N, C-alpha and C. Protein backbone atom coordinates (compact mmCIF):
# COMPACT_ATOMS: atom_id res chain seq x y z
N MET A 1 54.55 0.35 -60.31
CA MET A 1 53.11 0.51 -60.45
C MET A 1 52.79 0.71 -61.93
N LYS A 2 51.68 0.15 -62.36
CA LYS A 2 51.23 0.27 -63.74
C LYS A 2 50.05 1.24 -63.82
N ALA A 3 49.94 1.93 -64.93
CA ALA A 3 48.82 2.82 -65.16
C ALA A 3 47.91 2.21 -66.22
N ILE A 4 46.60 2.36 -66.02
CA ILE A 4 45.63 1.93 -67.02
C ILE A 4 44.68 3.09 -67.28
N SER A 5 44.04 3.03 -68.43
CA SER A 5 43.09 4.07 -68.79
C SER A 5 41.78 3.39 -69.16
N THR A 6 40.66 3.97 -68.74
CA THR A 6 39.37 3.40 -69.06
C THR A 6 38.33 4.50 -69.21
N GLU A 7 37.23 4.16 -69.81
CA GLU A 7 36.12 5.09 -69.93
C GLU A 7 35.00 4.62 -69.03
N LEU A 8 34.35 5.57 -68.38
CA LEU A 8 33.23 5.27 -67.48
C LEU A 8 31.96 5.91 -68.03
N PRO A 9 30.84 5.24 -67.81
CA PRO A 9 29.58 5.89 -68.14
C PRO A 9 29.44 7.18 -67.32
N ASP A 10 28.77 8.17 -67.89
CA ASP A 10 28.65 9.48 -67.23
C ASP A 10 28.12 9.37 -65.80
N GLN A 11 27.10 8.55 -65.56
CA GLN A 11 26.50 8.44 -64.24
C GLN A 11 27.49 7.90 -63.21
N ILE A 12 28.26 6.89 -63.59
CA ILE A 12 29.25 6.35 -62.66
C ILE A 12 30.32 7.40 -62.37
N TYR A 13 30.76 8.10 -63.41
CA TYR A 13 31.77 9.14 -63.19
C TYR A 13 31.25 10.21 -62.23
N LEU A 14 30.00 10.61 -62.38
CA LEU A 14 29.43 11.63 -61.49
C LEU A 14 29.40 11.14 -60.05
N GLU A 15 29.11 9.85 -59.85
CA GLU A 15 29.10 9.29 -58.50
C GLU A 15 30.52 9.27 -57.92
N VAL A 16 31.50 8.89 -58.73
CA VAL A 16 32.89 8.88 -58.30
C VAL A 16 33.32 10.30 -57.93
N LYS A 17 33.03 11.24 -58.80
CA LYS A 17 33.40 12.64 -58.56
C LYS A 17 32.75 13.17 -57.28
N SER A 18 31.51 12.80 -57.06
CA SER A 18 30.80 13.24 -55.86
C SER A 18 31.48 12.72 -54.59
N LEU A 19 31.90 11.47 -54.59
CA LEU A 19 32.57 10.91 -53.42
C LEU A 19 33.91 11.59 -53.17
N VAL A 20 34.61 11.93 -54.24
CA VAL A 20 35.88 12.66 -54.10
C VAL A 20 35.60 14.07 -53.58
N ASP A 21 34.62 14.74 -54.16
CA ASP A 21 34.27 16.11 -53.74
C ASP A 21 33.85 16.17 -52.27
N LYS A 22 33.19 15.10 -51.78
CA LYS A 22 32.74 15.07 -50.40
C LYS A 22 33.85 14.65 -49.43
N GLY A 23 35.02 14.31 -49.98
CA GLY A 23 36.15 13.97 -49.13
C GLY A 23 36.28 12.51 -48.74
N TRP A 24 35.45 11.66 -49.32
CA TRP A 24 35.55 10.23 -48.99
C TRP A 24 36.82 9.61 -49.57
N PHE A 25 37.31 10.16 -50.67
CA PHE A 25 38.54 9.69 -51.32
C PHE A 25 39.36 10.90 -51.72
N LYS A 26 40.70 10.71 -51.76
CA LYS A 26 41.59 11.81 -52.15
C LYS A 26 41.40 12.21 -53.60
N ASN A 27 41.22 11.21 -54.46
CA ASN A 27 41.09 11.47 -55.89
C ASN A 27 40.40 10.30 -56.57
N GLU A 28 40.17 10.44 -57.85
CA GLU A 28 39.45 9.41 -58.62
C GLU A 28 40.23 8.10 -58.65
N ASP A 29 41.56 8.19 -58.74
CA ASP A 29 42.37 6.97 -58.77
C ASP A 29 42.15 6.13 -57.52
N ASP A 30 42.08 6.77 -56.36
CA ASP A 30 41.91 6.04 -55.11
C ASP A 30 40.61 5.26 -55.06
N ILE A 31 39.52 5.85 -55.53
CA ILE A 31 38.23 5.14 -55.48
C ILE A 31 38.21 3.99 -56.48
N ILE A 32 38.81 4.16 -57.64
CA ILE A 32 38.87 3.07 -58.63
C ILE A 32 39.72 1.92 -58.08
N LEU A 33 40.85 2.23 -57.46
CA LEU A 33 41.72 1.21 -56.88
C LEU A 33 40.99 0.45 -55.77
N GLU A 34 40.29 1.16 -54.92
CA GLU A 34 39.53 0.51 -53.84
C GLU A 34 38.44 -0.39 -54.40
N ALA A 35 37.75 0.06 -55.43
CA ALA A 35 36.70 -0.76 -56.05
C ALA A 35 37.28 -2.04 -56.64
N LEU A 36 38.43 -1.94 -57.30
CA LEU A 36 39.06 -3.12 -57.87
C LEU A 36 39.54 -4.08 -56.78
N ARG A 37 40.12 -3.54 -55.70
CA ARG A 37 40.55 -4.39 -54.58
C ARG A 37 39.37 -5.16 -54.00
N ARG A 38 38.27 -4.45 -53.78
CA ARG A 38 37.09 -5.11 -53.20
C ARG A 38 36.52 -6.17 -54.14
N PHE A 39 36.49 -5.89 -55.43
CA PHE A 39 35.99 -6.87 -56.39
C PHE A 39 36.85 -8.12 -56.36
N LEU A 40 38.16 -7.94 -56.41
CA LEU A 40 39.07 -9.09 -56.42
C LEU A 40 38.99 -9.88 -55.12
N ASP A 41 38.90 -9.20 -53.99
CA ASP A 41 38.76 -9.89 -52.71
C ASP A 41 37.47 -10.70 -52.64
N THR A 42 36.39 -10.11 -53.11
CA THR A 42 35.09 -10.75 -53.07
C THR A 42 35.00 -11.95 -54.01
N HIS A 43 35.69 -11.89 -55.13
CA HIS A 43 35.57 -12.93 -56.15
C HIS A 43 36.81 -13.83 -56.26
N LYS A 44 37.68 -13.76 -55.29
CA LYS A 44 38.95 -14.50 -55.36
C LYS A 44 38.73 -16.00 -55.58
N VAL A 45 37.91 -16.65 -54.76
CA VAL A 45 37.69 -18.09 -54.89
C VAL A 45 37.09 -18.42 -56.25
N GLU A 46 36.09 -17.66 -56.63
CA GLU A 46 35.42 -17.87 -57.92
C GLU A 46 36.41 -17.76 -59.08
N LEU A 47 37.26 -16.73 -59.04
CA LEU A 47 38.24 -16.52 -60.11
C LEU A 47 39.28 -17.63 -60.13
N MET A 48 39.74 -18.07 -58.96
CA MET A 48 40.71 -19.15 -58.89
C MET A 48 40.14 -20.44 -59.50
N GLU A 49 38.90 -20.76 -59.15
CA GLU A 49 38.26 -21.96 -59.69
C GLU A 49 38.14 -21.88 -61.20
N LYS A 50 37.81 -20.70 -61.70
CA LYS A 50 37.68 -20.52 -63.15
C LYS A 50 39.03 -20.73 -63.84
N PHE A 51 40.09 -20.15 -63.29
CA PHE A 51 41.41 -20.28 -63.89
C PHE A 51 41.90 -21.73 -63.84
N ILE A 52 41.61 -22.43 -62.73
CA ILE A 52 42.01 -23.84 -62.62
C ILE A 52 41.26 -24.66 -63.65
N SER A 53 39.96 -24.44 -63.80
CA SER A 53 39.16 -25.18 -64.79
C SER A 53 39.68 -24.96 -66.19
N GLU A 54 40.04 -23.73 -66.51
CA GLU A 54 40.58 -23.42 -67.84
C GLU A 54 41.91 -24.12 -68.06
N ASP A 55 42.75 -24.18 -67.02
CA ASP A 55 44.03 -24.86 -67.14
C ASP A 55 43.86 -26.35 -67.37
N VAL A 56 42.86 -26.96 -66.71
CA VAL A 56 42.62 -28.39 -66.86
C VAL A 56 42.16 -28.71 -68.28
N GLU A 57 41.34 -27.85 -68.83
CA GLU A 57 40.85 -28.07 -70.20
C GLU A 57 41.99 -27.98 -71.17
């Protein structure tokens, strides 16, 4: 597993912290991982097409 570090705007961090505090997620890492999974799943076709187009060029 790889670790990454990022900065979040204060408002987004407060929303993340609130979801963790309410028990929706175990910790901040879990909610960030879930958000990235959902983004990649939702945009998979779009991203593949973009990468193929770049390879063709």
